[in-house]
C-alpha atoms as a PDB file:
ATOM      1  CA  MET A   1      84.164 111.462 -45.642  1.00  0.00           C
ATOM      2  CA  THR A   2      86.015 111.947 -42.058  1.00  0.00           C
ATOM      3  CA  GLY A   3      87.431 115.316 -40.780  1.00  0.00           C
ATOM      4  CA  PRO A   4      91.058 116.340 -41.216  1.00  0.00           C
ATOM      5  CA  PRO A   5      93.722 114.589 -39.128  1.00  0.00           C
ATOM      6  CA  ALA A   6      93.617 116.289 -35.759  1.00  0.00           C
ATOM      7  CA  GLU A   7      97.413 116.492 -35.834  1.00  0.00           C
ATOM      8  CA  LEU A   8      96.775 119.692 -37.752  1.00  0.00           C
ATOM      9  CA  LEU A   9      95.003 121.110 -34.719  1.00  0.00           C
ATOM     10  CA  ALA A  10      97.515 119.714 -32.260  1.00  0.00           C
ATOM     11  CA  ALA A  11     100.628 120.797 -34.169  1.00  0.00           C
ATOM     12  CA  PRO A  12     103.074 122.895 -32.103  1.00  0.00           C
ATOM     13  CA  GLN A  13     102.378 126.566 -32.559  1.00  0.00           C
ATOM     14  CA  VAL A  14     105.507 128.512 -33.465  1.00  0.00           C
ATOM     15  CA  ALA A  15     105.501 132.262 -33.891  1.00  0.00           C
ATOM     16  CA  HIS A  16     105.807 133.511 -37.455  1.00  0.00           C
ATOM     17  CA  GLN A  17     108.574 135.796 -38.549  1.00  0.00           C
ATOM     18  CA  PRO A  18     107.712 139.501 -38.026  1.00  0.00           C
ATOM     19  CA  GLN A  19     106.836 140.079 -41.688  1.00  0.00           C
ATOM     20  CA  ASP A  20     104.157 137.342 -41.502  1.00  0.00           C
ATOM     21  CA  ALA A  21     102.720 138.114 -38.066  1.00  0.00           C
ATOM     22  CA  HIS A  22      99.942 140.358 -39.348  1.00  0.00           C
ATOM     23  CA  GLN A  23      99.940 139.410 -43.022  1.00  0.00           C
ATOM     24  CA  PRO A  24      99.069 135.728 -43.545  1.00  0.00           C
ATOM     25  CA  PHE A  25     100.567 134.253 -46.697  1.00  0.00           C
ATOM     26  CA  ALA A  26     102.499 137.427 -47.484  1.00  0.00           C
ATOM     27  CA  THR A  27     104.256 135.373 -50.129  1.00  0.00           C
ATOM     28  CA  ASP A  28     102.653 133.181 -52.767  1.00  0.00           C
ATOM     29  CA  PRO A  29     100.159 131.007 -50.827  1.00  0.00           C
ATOM     30  CA  LEU A  30     100.865 128.055 -53.122  1.00  0.00           C
ATOM     31  CA  THR A  31     104.611 128.011 -52.369  1.00  0.00           C
ATOM     32  CA  HIS A  32     104.578 129.487 -48.847  1.00  0.00           C
ATOM     33  CA  THR A  33     106.128 127.140 -46.285  1.00  0.00           C
ATOM     34  CA  ASN A  34     104.306 127.108 -42.947  1.00  0.00           C
ATOM     35  CA  ASP A  35     105.469 126.191 -39.449  1.00  0.00           C
ATOM     36  CA  GLU A  36     105.470 122.480 -40.293  1.00  0.00           C
ATOM     37  CA  GLY A  37     107.894 123.024 -43.150  1.00  0.00           C
ATOM     38  CA  LEU A  38     105.380 122.153 -45.870  1.00  0.00           C
ATOM     39  CA  THR A  39     103.842 124.126 -48.719  1.00  0.00           C
ATOM     40  CA  PHE A  40     100.201 124.432 -49.719  1.00  0.00           C
ATOM     41  CA  TRP A  41     100.630 121.885 -52.523  1.00  0.00           C
ATOM     42  CA  GLN A  42     102.330 119.409 -50.202  1.00  0.00           C
ATOM     43  CA  PHE A  43      99.424 119.507 -47.766  1.00  0.00           C
ATOM     44  CA  MET A  44      97.155 118.796 -50.735  1.00  0.00           C
ATOM     45  CA  VAL A  45      99.244 115.774 -51.728  1.00  0.00           C
ATOM     46  CA  ALA A  46      99.446 114.420 -48.181  1.00  0.00           C
ATOM     47  CA  GLY A  47      95.704 114.903 -47.637  1.00  0.00           C
ATOM     48  CA  SER A  48      94.824 113.304 -50.965  1.00  0.00           C
ATOM     49  CA  VAL A  49      96.934 110.217 -50.248  1.00  0.00           C
ATOM     50  CA  ALA A  50      95.551 109.901 -46.714  1.00  0.00           C
ATOM     51  CA  GLY A  51      91.950 110.216 -47.901  1.00  0.00           C
ATOM     52  CA  MET A  52      92.321 107.595 -50.612  1.00  0.00           C
ATOM     53  CA  VAL A  53      94.074 105.122 -48.305  1.00  0.00           C
ATOM     54  CA  GLU A  54      91.425 105.610 -45.610  1.00  0.00           C
ATOM     55  CA  HIS A  55      88.370 105.153 -47.835  1.00  0.00           C
ATOM     56  CA  MET A  56      89.773 102.331 -49.938  1.00  0.00           C
ATOM     57  CA  ALA A  57      90.918 100.346 -46.888  1.00  0.00           C
ATOM     58  CA  MET A  58      87.540 100.673 -45.145  1.00  0.00           C
ATOM     59  CA  PHE A  59      85.375 100.246 -48.253  1.00  0.00           C
ATOM     60  CA  PRO A  60      83.955  96.779 -47.365  1.00  0.00           C
ATOM     61  CA  VAL A  61      82.598  98.157 -44.073  1.00  0.00           C
ATOM     62  CA  ASP A  62      81.057 101.065 -45.955  1.00  0.00           C
ATOM     63  CA  THR A  63      79.343  98.622 -48.323  1.00  0.00           C
ATOM     64  CA  ILE A  64      77.773  96.749 -45.397  1.00  0.00           C
ATOM     65  CA  LYS A  65      76.588 100.039 -43.884  1.00  0.00           C
ATOM     66  CA  THR A  66      74.964 101.113 -47.146  1.00  0.00           C
ATOM     67  CA  ARG A  67      73.155  97.786 -47.512  1.00  0.00           C
ATOM     68  CA  MET A  68      71.876  97.950 -43.930  1.00  0.00           C
ATOM     69  CA  GLN A  69      70.539 101.468 -44.437  1.00  0.00           C
ATOM     70  CA  MET A  70      68.471 100.421 -47.469  1.00  0.00           C
ATOM     71  CA  PRO A  71      65.842  97.951 -46.161  1.00  0.00           C
ATOM     72  CA  GLY A  72      64.060  95.763 -48.682  1.00  0.00           C
ATOM     73  CA  CYS A  73      66.770  96.557 -51.198  1.00  0.00           C
ATOM     74  CA  SER A  74      68.950  93.620 -50.251  1.00  0.00           C
ATOM     75  CA  PRO A  75      68.205  90.060 -49.175  1.00  0.00           C
ATOM     76  CA  ALA A  76      71.421  90.277 -47.205  1.00  0.00           C
ATOM     77  CA  CYS A  77      69.974  92.976 -44.979  1.00  0.00           C
ATOM     78  CA  PRO A  78      66.453  92.129 -43.780  1.00  0.00           C
ATOM     79  CA  ALA A  79      64.150  94.306 -41.725  1.00  0.00           C
ATOM     80  CA  ALA A  80      66.039  93.393 -38.567  1.00  0.00           C
ATOM     81  CA  ALA A  81      69.178  94.955 -39.975  1.00  0.00           C
ATOM     82  CA  SER A  82      69.323  97.579 -37.247  1.00  0.00           C
ATOM     83  CA  THR A  83      70.352  94.981 -34.652  1.00  0.00           C
ATOM     84  CA  HIS A  84      74.030  94.417 -33.947  1.00  0.00           C
ATOM     85  CA  HIS A  85      74.115  90.772 -35.059  1.00  0.00           C
ATOM     86  CA  ALA A  86      72.971  91.831 -38.533  1.00  0.00           C
ATOM     87  CA  VAL A  87      76.482  93.109 -39.386  1.00  0.00           C
ATOM     88  CA  GLY A  88      77.856  89.581 -39.430  1.00  0.00           C
ATOM     89  CA  HIS A  89      74.732  88.307 -41.186  1.00  0.00           C
ATOM     90  CA  ALA A  90      75.054  90.936 -43.912  1.00  0.00           C
ATOM     91  CA  LEU A  91      78.750  90.156 -44.403  1.00  0.00           C
ATOM     92  CA  VAL A  92      78.167  86.407 -44.723  1.00  0.00           C
ATOM     93  CA  SER A  93      75.190  86.913 -47.066  1.00  0.00           C
ATOM     94  CA  ILE A  94      77.143  89.216 -49.382  1.00  0.00           C
ATOM     95  CA  LEU A  95      80.077  86.812 -49.512  1.00  0.00           C
ATOM     96  CA  ARG A  96      77.795  83.857 -50.254  1.00  0.00           C
ATOM     97  CA  SER A  97      75.715  85.521 -52.951  1.00  0.00           C
ATOM     98  CA  GLU A  98      78.290  87.812 -54.589  1.00  0.00           C
ATOM     99  CA  GLY A  99      81.707  86.700 -53.413  1.00  0.00           C
ATOM    100  CA  PRO A 100      84.454  88.950 -51.991  1.00  0.00           C
ATOM    101  CA  LEU A 101      84.166  91.334 -54.950  1.00  0.00           C
ATOM    102  CA  GLY A 102      80.631  92.190 -53.808  1.00  0.00           C
ATOM    103  CA  LEU A 103      82.173  94.125 -50.920  1.00  0.00           C
ATOM    104  CA  TYR A 104      84.121  96.310 -53.338  1.00  0.00           C
ATOM    105  CA  ARG A 105      81.410  97.235 -55.831  1.00  0.00           C
ATOM    106  CA  GLY A 106      81.645 100.977 -56.464  1.00  0.00           C
ATOM    107  CA  ILE A 107      85.197 101.337 -55.158  1.00  0.00           C
ATOM    108  CA  GLY A 108      86.223 102.950 -58.450  1.00  0.00           C
ATOM    109  CA  ALA A 109      83.862 105.855 -57.821  1.00  0.00           C
ATOM    110  CA  MET A 110      85.295 106.371 -54.352  1.00  0.00           C
ATOM    111  CA  GLY A 111      88.823 106.218 -55.736  1.00  0.00           C
ATOM    112  CA  LEU A 112      87.971 108.966 -58.226  1.00  0.00           C
ATOM    113  CA  GLY A 113      86.267 111.145 -55.617  1.00  0.00           C
ATOM    114  CA  ALA A 114      88.273 110.695 -52.410  1.00  0.00           C
ATOM    115  CA  GLY A 115      91.607 111.970 -53.738  1.00  0.00           C
ATOM    116  CA  PRO A 116      90.392 115.290 -55.204  1.00  0.00           C
ATOM    117  CA  ALA A 117      87.936 115.839 -52.324  1.00  0.00           C
ATOM    118  CA  HIS A 118      90.621 115.434 -49.662  1.00  0.00           C
ATOM    119  CA  ALA A 119      93.020 117.592 -51.649  1.00  0.00           C
ATOM    120  CA  VAL A 120      90.376 120.337 -51.668  1.00  0.00           C
ATOM    121  CA  TYR A 121      89.667 119.742 -47.980  1.00  0.00           C
ATOM    122  CA  PHE A 122      93.234 120.180 -46.804  1.00  0.00           C
ATOM    123  CA  SER A 123      94.018 123.080 -49.129  1.00  0.00           C
ATOM    124  CA  VAL A 124      90.933 125.017 -48.022  1.00  0.00           C
ATOM    125  CA  TYR A 125      91.563 124.083 -44.395  1.00  0.00           C
ATOM    126  CA  GLU A 126      95.178 125.261 -44.446  1.00  0.00           C
ATOM    127  CA  LEU A 127      94.399 128.497 -46.293  1.00  0.00           C
ATOM    128  CA  SER A 128      91.426 129.284 -44.052  1.00  0.00           C
ATOM    129  CA  LYS A 129      93.322 128.476 -40.873  1.00  0.00           C
ATOM    130  CA  GLU A 130      96.157 130.776 -41.935  1.00  0.00           C
ATOM    131  CA  ARG A 131      93.809 133.594 -42.948  1.00  0.00           C
ATOM    132  CA  LEU A 132      91.738 133.331 -39.758  1.00  0.00           C
ATOM    133  CA  GLY A 133      94.768 133.356 -37.462  1.00  0.00           C
ATOM    134  CA  GLY A 134      94.676 129.704 -36.499  1.00  0.00           C
ATOM    135  CA  ASN A 135      98.458 129.378 -36.868  1.00  0.00           C
ATOM    136  CA  ARG A 136      99.298 132.223 -34.498  1.00  0.00           C
ATOM    137  CA  PRO A 137     100.723 131.455 -31.044  1.00  0.00           C
ATOM    138  CA  GLY A 138      98.098 130.225 -28.592  1.00  0.00           C
ATOM    139  CA  HIS A 139      94.952 128.147 -28.882  1.00  0.00           C
ATOM    140  CA  HIS A 140      92.377 129.233 -31.469  1.00  0.00           C
ATOM    141  CA  PRO A 141      89.502 126.704 -31.446  1.00  0.00           C
ATOM    142  CA  LEU A 142      87.071 129.027 -33.237  1.00  0.00           C
ATOM    143  CA  ALA A 143      89.499 129.587 -36.108  1.00  0.00           C
ATOM    144  CA  HIS A 144      90.079 125.856 -36.382  1.00  0.00           C
ATOM    145  CA  ALA A 145      86.345 125.091 -36.261  1.00  0.00           C
ATOM    146  CA  ALA A 146      85.489 127.744 -38.851  1.00  0.00           C
ATOM    147  CA  SER A 147      88.268 126.493 -41.113  1.00  0.00           C
ATOM    148  CA  GLY A 148      86.957 122.955 -40.767  1.00  0.00           C
ATOM    149  CA  VAL A 149      83.427 123.999 -41.732  1.00  0.00           C
ATOM    150  CA  LEU A 150      84.655 125.879 -44.819  1.00  0.00           C
ATOM    151  CA  ALA A 151      86.783 122.907 -45.807  1.00  0.00           C
ATOM    152  CA  THR A 152      83.836 120.537 -45.354  1.00  0.00           C
ATOM    153  CA  ILE A 153      81.527 122.640 -47.543  1.00  0.00           C
ATOM    154  CA  ALA A 154      84.142 122.773 -50.319  1.00  0.00           C
ATOM    155  CA  SER A 155      85.220 119.125 -50.200  1.00  0.00           C
ATOM    156  CA  ASP A 156      81.659 117.785 -49.999  1.00  0.00           C
ATOM    157  CA  ALA A 157      80.860 119.664 -53.206  1.00  0.00           C
ATOM    158  CA  VAL A 158      83.590 117.602 -54.883  1.00  0.00           C
ATOM    159  CA  LEU A 159      82.908 114.239 -53.216  1.00  0.00           C
ATOM    160  CA  THR A 160      79.088 114.129 -53.159  1.00  0.00           C
ATOM    161  CA  PRO A 161      78.563 113.280 -56.873  1.00  0.00           C
ATOM    162  CA  MET A 162      80.966 110.325 -56.705  1.00  0.00           C
ATOM    163  CA  ASP A 163      79.516 109.299 -53.339  1.00  0.00           C
ATOM    164  CA  VAL A 164      76.075 109.088 -54.978  1.00  0.00           C
ATOM    165  CA  VAL A 165      77.498 106.916 -57.767  1.00  0.00           C
ATOM    166  CA  LYS A 166      79.379 104.777 -55.249  1.00  0.00           C
ATOM    167  CA  GLN A 167      76.316 104.081 -53.133  1.00  0.00           C
ATOM    168  CA  ARG A 168      74.148 103.211 -56.132  1.00  0.00           C
ATOM    169  CA  LEU A 169      76.761 100.728 -57.304  1.00  0.00           C
ATOM    170  CA  GLN A 170      76.959  99.209 -53.803  1.00  0.00           C
ATOM    171  CA  LEU A 171      73.324  98.122 -53.920  1.00  0.00           C
ATOM    172  CA  PRO A 172      72.538  94.521 -54.907  1.00  0.00           C
ATOM    173  CA  ASN A 173      71.122  93.986 -58.393  1.00  0.00           C
ATOM    174  CA  THR A 174      72.171  97.495 -59.346  1.00  0.00           C
ATOM    175  CA  PRO A 175      71.129  98.311 -62.928  1.00  0.00           C
ATOM    176  CA  TYR A 176      74.486  99.954 -63.612  1.00  0.00           C
ATOM    177  CA  SER A 177      77.470  98.090 -65.036  1.00  0.00           C
ATOM    178  CA  GLY A 178      80.055 100.490 -63.675  1.00  0.00           C
ATOM    179  CA  VAL A 179      80.992 104.060 -62.802  1.00  0.00           C
ATOM    180  CA  ARG A 180      80.807 105.413 -66.349  1.00  0.00           C
ATOM    181  CA  ASP A 181      77.483 103.724 -67.063  1.00  0.00           C
ATOM    182  CA  CYS A 182      76.011 105.085 -63.818  1.00  0.00           C
ATOM    183  CA  VAL A 183      77.169 108.649 -64.502  1.00  0.00           C
ATOM    184  CA  VAL A 184      75.907 108.651 -68.102  1.00  0.00           C
ATOM    185  CA  ARG A 185      72.508 107.176 -67.249  1.00  0.00           C
ATOM    186  CA  MET A 186      71.976 109.452 -64.251  1.00  0.00           C
ATOM    187  CA  LEU A 187      72.728 112.524 -66.361  1.00  0.00           C
ATOM    188  CA  ARG A 188      70.405 111.308 -69.101  1.00  0.00           C
ATOM    189  CA  ASP A 189      67.501 110.142 -66.925  1.00  0.00           C
ATOM    190  CA  GLU A 190      67.679 112.408 -63.857  1.00  0.00           C
ATOM    191  CA  GLY A 191      69.871 115.346 -64.742  1.00  0.00           C
ATOM    192  CA  LEU A 192      72.819 116.932 -62.935  1.00  0.00           C
ATOM    193  CA  ARG A 193      70.664 117.718 -59.901  1.00  0.00           C
ATOM    194  CA  ALA A 194      70.512 114.005 -58.986  1.00  0.00           C
ATOM    195  CA  PHE A 195      74.212 114.069 -58.129  1.00  0.00           C
ATOM    196  CA  TYR A 196      73.629 116.762 -55.484  1.00  0.00           C
ATOM    197  CA  THR A 197      70.306 115.644 -53.986  1.00  0.00           C
ATOM    198  CA  SER A 198      72.020 114.783 -50.701  1.00  0.00           C
ATOM    199  CA  TYR A 199      74.563 117.647 -50.671  1.00  0.00           C
ATOM    200  CA  ARG A 200      72.678 119.708 -48.095  1.00  0.00           C
ATOM    201  CA  THR A 201      72.245 116.668 -45.846  1.00  0.00           C
ATOM    202  CA  THR A 202      75.926 115.788 -46.232  1.00  0.00           C
ATOM    203  CA  VAL A 203      77.051 119.264 -45.165  1.00  0.00           C
ATOM    204  CA  VAL A 204      74.565 119.359 -42.265  1.00  0.00           C
ATOM    205  CA  MET A 205      75.846 115.939 -41.158  1.00  0.00           C
ATOM    206  CA  ASN A 206      79.547 116.736 -41.467  1.00  0.00           C
ATOM    207  CA  ALA A 207      79.341 120.005 -39.523  1.00  0.00           C
ATOM    208  CA  PRO A 208      78.351 118.351 -36.202  1.00  0.00           C
ATOM    209  CA  PHE A 209      80.536 115.372 -37.095  1.00  0.00           C
ATOM    210  CA  THR A 210      83.561 117.663 -37.245  1.00  0.00           C
ATOM    211  CA  ALA A 211      82.581 119.463 -34.032  1.00  0.00           C
ATOM    212  CA  VAL A 212      82.098 116.231 -32.047  1.00  0.00           C
ATOM    213  CA  HIS A 213      85.176 114.687 -33.629  1.00  0.00           C
ATOM    214  CA  PHE A 214      87.564 117.466 -32.624  1.00  0.00           C
ATOM    215  CA  ALA A 215      86.024 118.097 -29.197  1.00  0.00           C
ATOM    216  CA  THR A 216      86.333 114.399 -28.327  1.00  0.00           C
ATOM    217  CA  TYR A 217      89.790 114.149 -29.808  1.00  0.00           C
ATOM    218  CA  GLU A 218      91.147 117.060 -27.764  1.00  0.00           C
ATOM    219  CA  ALA A 219      89.581 115.749 -24.542  1.00  0.00           C
ATOM    220  CA  VAL A 220      90.844 112.185 -24.957  1.00  0.00           C
ATOM    221  CA  LYS A 221      94.277 113.364 -26.097  1.00  0.00           C
ATOM    222  CA  LYS A 222      94.595 115.547 -23.017  1.00  0.00           C
ATOM    223  CA  VAL A 223      93.679 112.655 -20.706  1.00  0.00           C
ATOM    224  CA  LEU A 224      96.019 110.198 -22.412  1.00  0.00           C
ATOM    225  CA  GLY A 225      98.828 112.731 -22.601  1.00  0.00           C
ATOM    226  CA  GLY A 226      98.582 113.335 -18.850  1.00  0.00           C
ATOM    227  CA  ILE A 227      98.962 109.663 -17.980  1.00  0.00           C
ATOM    228  CA  SER A 228     102.627 109.535 -18.959  1.00  0.00           C
ATOM    229  CA  PRO A 229     103.847 113.069 -19.741  1.00  0.00           C
ATOM    230  CA  GLU A 230     107.498 112.046 -19.486  1.00  0.00           C
ATOM    231  CA  ASN A 231     107.058 109.782 -22.498  1.00  0.00           C
ATOM    232  CA  ALA A 232     104.872 112.166 -24.473  1.00  0.00           C
ATOM    233  CA  SER A 233     107.199 112.408 -27.474  1.00  0.00           C
ATOM    234  CA  GLU A 234     107.622 108.632 -27.806  1.00  0.00           C
ATOM    235  CA  GLU A 235     103.913 107.914 -27.358  1.00  0.00           C
ATOM    236  CA  ARG A 236     102.664 110.771 -29.536  1.00  0.00           C
ATOM    237  CA  VAL A 237     101.570 108.588 -32.460  1.00  0.00           C
ATOM    238  CA  LEU A 238      99.798 106.087 -30.202  1.00  0.00           C
ATOM    239  CA  VAL A 239      97.977 108.884 -28.378  1.00  0.00           C
ATOM    240  CA  HIS A 240      96.762 110.370 -31.669  1.00  0.00           C
ATOM    241  CA  ILE A 241      95.571 106.972 -32.896  1.00  0.00           C
ATOM    242  CA  ALA A 242      93.735 106.171 -29.648  1.00  0.00           C
ATOM    243  CA  ALA A 243      92.177 109.622 -29.312  1.00  0.00           C
ATOM    244  CA  GLY A 244      91.279 109.689 -32.988  1.00  0.00           C
ATOM    245  CA  GLY A 245      89.661 106.268 -32.821  1.00  0.00           C
ATOM    246  CA  ALA A 246      87.480 107.353 -29.910  1.00  0.00           C
ATOM    247  CA  ALA A 247      86.613 110.638 -31.615  1.00  0.00           C
ATOM    248  CA  GLY A 248      85.757 108.956 -34.909  1.00  0.00           C
ATOM    249  CA  ALA A 249      83.576 106.351 -33.214  1.00  0.00           C
ATOM    250  CA  LEU A 250      81.568 108.887 -31.193  1.00  0.00           C
ATOM    251  CA  ALA A 251      81.179 111.354 -34.061  1.00  0.00           C
ATOM    252  CA  GLY A 252      80.087 108.559 -36.372  1.00  0.00           C
ATOM    253  CA  ALA A 253      77.517 107.295 -33.865  1.00  0.00           C
ATOM    254  CA  VAL A 254      75.806 110.613 -33.129  1.00  0.00           C
ATOM    255  CA  THR A 255      75.500 111.528 -36.815  1.00  0.00           C
ATOM    256  CA  THR A 256      74.113 108.147 -37.939  1.00  0.00           C
ATOM    257  CA  PRO A 257      70.514 109.420 -38.398  1.00  0.00           C
ATOM    258  CA  LEU A 258      71.697 112.056 -40.862  1.00  0.00           C
ATOM    259  CA  ASP A 259      73.822 109.471 -42.637  1.00  0.00           C
ATOM    260  CA  VAL A 260      70.722 107.272 -43.047  1.00  0.00           C
ATOM    261  CA  VAL A 261      68.867 110.210 -44.603  1.00  0.00           C
ATOM    262  CA  LYS A 262      71.817 110.906 -46.915  1.00  0.00           C
ATOM    263  CA  THR A 263      71.930 107.285 -48.097  1.00  0.00           C
ATOM    264  CA  ARG A 264      68.147 107.160 -48.695  1.00  0.00           C
ATOM    265  CA  LEU A 265      68.220 110.408 -50.706  1.00  0.00           C
ATOM    266  CA  GLN A 266      71.144 109.250 -52.810  1.00  0.00           C
ATOM    267  CA  CYS A 267      69.636 105.843 -53.554  1.00  0.00           C
ATOM    268  CA  GLN A 268      65.937 106.745 -53.745  1.00  0.00           C
ATOM    269  CA  GLY A 269      64.011 104.798 -56.333  1.00  0.00           C
ATOM    270  CA  MET A 270      66.792 102.230 -56.688  1.00  0.00           C
ATOM    271  CA  CYS A 271      65.930  98.512 -56.373  1.00  0.00           C
ATOM    272  CA  GLY A 272      62.428  99.351 -55.183  1.00  0.00           C
ATOM    273  CA  ALA A 273      63.533 101.870 -52.540  1.00  0.00           C
ATOM    274  CA  ASP A 274      61.223 104.726 -51.536  1.00  0.00           C
ATOM    275  CA  THR A 275      61.367 108.087 -53.269  1.00  0.00           C
ATOM    276  CA  PHE A 276      61.061 111.491 -51.615  1.00  0.00           C
ATOM    277  CA  ILE A 277      59.060 114.462 -52.849  1.00  0.00           C
ATOM    278  CA  SER A 278      61.999 116.802 -52.152  1.00  0.00           C
ATOM    279  CA  GLY A 279      65.532 116.880 -50.835  1.00  0.00           C
ATOM    280  CA  SER A 280      64.311 118.245 -47.504  1.00  0.00           C
ATOM    281  CA  ILE A 281      66.004 116.603 -44.515  1.00  0.00           C
ATOM    282  CA  LEU A 282      62.947 117.009 -42.271  1.00  0.00           C
ATOM    283  CA  ASN A 283      60.633 115.619 -44.916  1.00  0.00           C
ATOM    284  CA  ALA A 284      62.862 112.569 -45.379  1.00  0.00           C
ATOM    285  CA  ILE A 285      63.046 111.981 -41.621  1.00  0.00           C
ATOM    286  CA  LYS A 286      59.256 112.222 -41.246  1.00  0.00           C
ATOM    287  CA  GLN A 287      58.682 109.822 -44.128  1.00  0.00           C
ATOM    288  CA  ILE A 288      61.186 107.275 -42.809  1.00  0.00           C
ATOM    289  CA  VAL A 289      59.858 107.420 -39.250  1.00  0.00           C
ATOM    290  CA  ALA A 290      56.216 107.229 -40.360  1.00  0.00           C
ATOM    291  CA  LYS A 291      56.844 104.071 -42.387  1.00  0.00           C
ATOM    292  CA  GLU A 292      59.513 102.256 -40.346  1.00  0.00           C
ATOM    293  CA  GLY A 293      59.587 103.841 -36.925  1.00  0.00           C
ATOM    294  CA  PRO A 294      62.311 105.975 -35.268  1.00  0.00           C
ATOM    295  CA  GLN A 295      64.649 102.980 -34.963  1.00  0.00           C
ATOM    296  CA  ALA A 296      65.118 103.109 -38.734  1.00  0.00           C
ATOM    297  CA  LEU A 297      67.252 106.222 -38.278  1.00  0.00           C
ATOM    298  CA  LEU A 298      69.850 104.084 -36.491  1.00  0.00           C
ATOM    299  CA  ARG A 299      70.287 101.546 -39.273  1.00  0.00           C
ATOM    300  CA  GLY A 300      73.939 100.912 -39.965  1.00  0.00           C
ATOM    301  CA  LEU A 301      75.030 102.350 -36.595  1.00  0.00           C
ATOM    302  CA  LYS A 302      77.501  99.581 -35.787  1.00  0.00           C
ATOM    303  CA  PRO A 303      79.258  99.432 -39.173  1.00  0.00           C
ATOM    304  CA  ARG A 304      79.402 103.250 -39.213  1.00  0.00           C
ATOM    305  CA  VAL A 305      81.189 103.222 -35.855  1.00  0.00           C
ATOM    306  CA  LEU A 306      83.379 100.339 -37.002  1.00  0.00           C
ATOM    307  CA  PHE A 307      84.217 102.405 -40.086  1.00  0.00           C
ATOM    308  CA  HIS A 308      85.121 105.727 -38.482  1.00  0.00           C
ATOM    309  CA  ALA A 309      87.208 104.447 -35.560  1.00  0.00           C
ATOM    310  CA  PRO A 310      89.892 102.659 -37.626  1.00  0.00           C
ATOM    311  CA  ALA A 311      89.428 105.067 -40.542  1.00  0.00           C
ATOM    312  CA  ALA A 312      90.676 107.933 -38.372  1.00  0.00           C
ATOM    313  CA  ALA A 313      93.739 105.949 -37.310  1.00  0.00           C
ATOM    314  CA  ILE A 314      94.479 104.940 -40.908  1.00  0.00           C
ATOM    315  CA  CYS A 315      94.023 108.499 -42.190  1.00  0.00           C
ATOM    316  CA  TRP A 316      96.276 110.056 -39.560  1.00  0.00           C
ATOM    317  CA  SER A 317      98.977 107.419 -39.990  1.00  0.00           C
ATOM    318  CA  ALA A 318      99.019 107.860 -43.776  1.00  0.00           C
ATOM    319  CA  TYR A 319      98.873 111.644 -43.472  1.00  0.00           C
ATOM    320  CA  GLU A 320     101.766 111.816 -40.997  1.00  0.00           C
ATOM    321  CA  ALA A 321     103.867 109.371 -43.026  1.00  0.00           C
ATOM    322  CA  CYS A 322     103.314 111.422 -46.173  1.00  0.00           C
ATOM    323  CA  LYS A 323     104.127 114.695 -44.386  1.00  0.00           C
ATOM    324  CA  SER A 324     107.351 113.207 -42.979  1.00  0.00           C
ATOM    325  CA  PHE A 325     108.365 112.043 -46.448  1.00  0.00           C
ATOM    326  CA  LEU A 326     107.678 115.471 -47.959  1.00  0.00           C
ATOM    327  CA  ARG A 327     109.551 117.252 -45.135  1.00  0.00           C
ATOM    328  CA  HIS A 328     112.488 114.932 -45.787  1.00  0.00           C
ATOM    329  CA  LEU A 329     112.444 115.924 -49.456  1.00  0.00           C
ATOM    330  CA  ASN A 330     112.332 119.620 -48.557  1.00  0.00           C
ATOM    331  CA  GLU A 331     115.329 119.298 -46.250  1.00  0.00           C
ATOM    332  CA  HIS A 332     117.392 117.599 -48.955  1.00  0.00           C
ATOM    333  CA  GLN A 333     116.406 120.206 -51.536  1.00  0.00           C
ATOM    334  CA  THR A 334     117.433 123.094 -49.268  1.00  0.00           C
ATOM    335  CA  PRO A 335     120.899 124.374 -50.263  1.00  0.00           C
END
C-alpha cells in the first residue's frame, strides 16, 4: 500500500478556535469537524474509496511485479526478469497463457483488504496528527511523520493478511481456487501466523517509503509551485499529481529490495519457491543474495515504479474528489 495523499500535509493551516487550541478533539473525535470541514468518519470514507480505486486500477501492474519477483515460479518471468525488457515479456506471456483475466487473479483479496486498511490509515493519521499538534499553525514535519508511521503500523496490520492471499493467488498454477479457499487452507495447513509472516518486513519497508515519499513530494511541489506562483490556485491539482508521481516513483524504487523480501516471505514454498527458516529480514536477504546474487533484490523494480507513480496520482485525485463531495454534502446539511 502507498502513503496518504500528501494534500493532507499540504492543506492550509488555519488556527483553531480558542477552546481547541490546547485541547485537540475537545468534542467527540468521531464527529469533530476539522479545518477542512470534514469529520473523522468522512476522512475514513474518502481514504477507503481512494485506496480501493488506486489498488484496483493498478492491479495488473502489481501482478506483473509479483511474478517478476518470484523466479522459477512462472514461465512468464524467466531468470532474466530483472531486466527492463522483461516487463513487456511478462505481460505478453501472461496474456497468451492465461488471457486478460490472468492479470486480475487475486483482485478480490485486494478489494477486501484495501478499503478497510485505508480507512484505518486515514483515521489513525488524522487522529494522531490532531493529537500531536500537526494541525496547529505553522509547519510540523515531525508530527506529520510520526502520524504517518503510526498510521502505517495500524493499516499494515489490517492489509497484510489479504496481501498475502492476493500474492499467492497471483502466482501461476496456484493451488487455490479463490480467496475463501486460500484463507481456509492457509489457516488449516499453516496457521494464523502465515498471514503475518511478512508484517515486520512490510512495516520496515513502508516507514522509509513514507519518509522518501513525503520528502520528495514537498521538494518537487515547492519547485513546481515557484515556477508559476500567480497561477498556483488553478494549477494546484496538476502540481500535486506531478509531485506525487515523482515522489511515488522514487519511494517505490528505493524500497524495492524490501518489497522483494516481502513477496518471497509471503509466497515461500508456493509453486516450488524457496522457504525461509524464519521471518527475519536479514536472513531472507542473505539467502536470496547467496543463491541469486545481489541483483535479485531489484527484481520487479520497473513495474514497482510504474505502479507507484500513477497510483499516487489516482489516489490523490479520488481522495480529493471524495472530500469535495463530502464537503458539499456538509454545506447543504448546515442550517
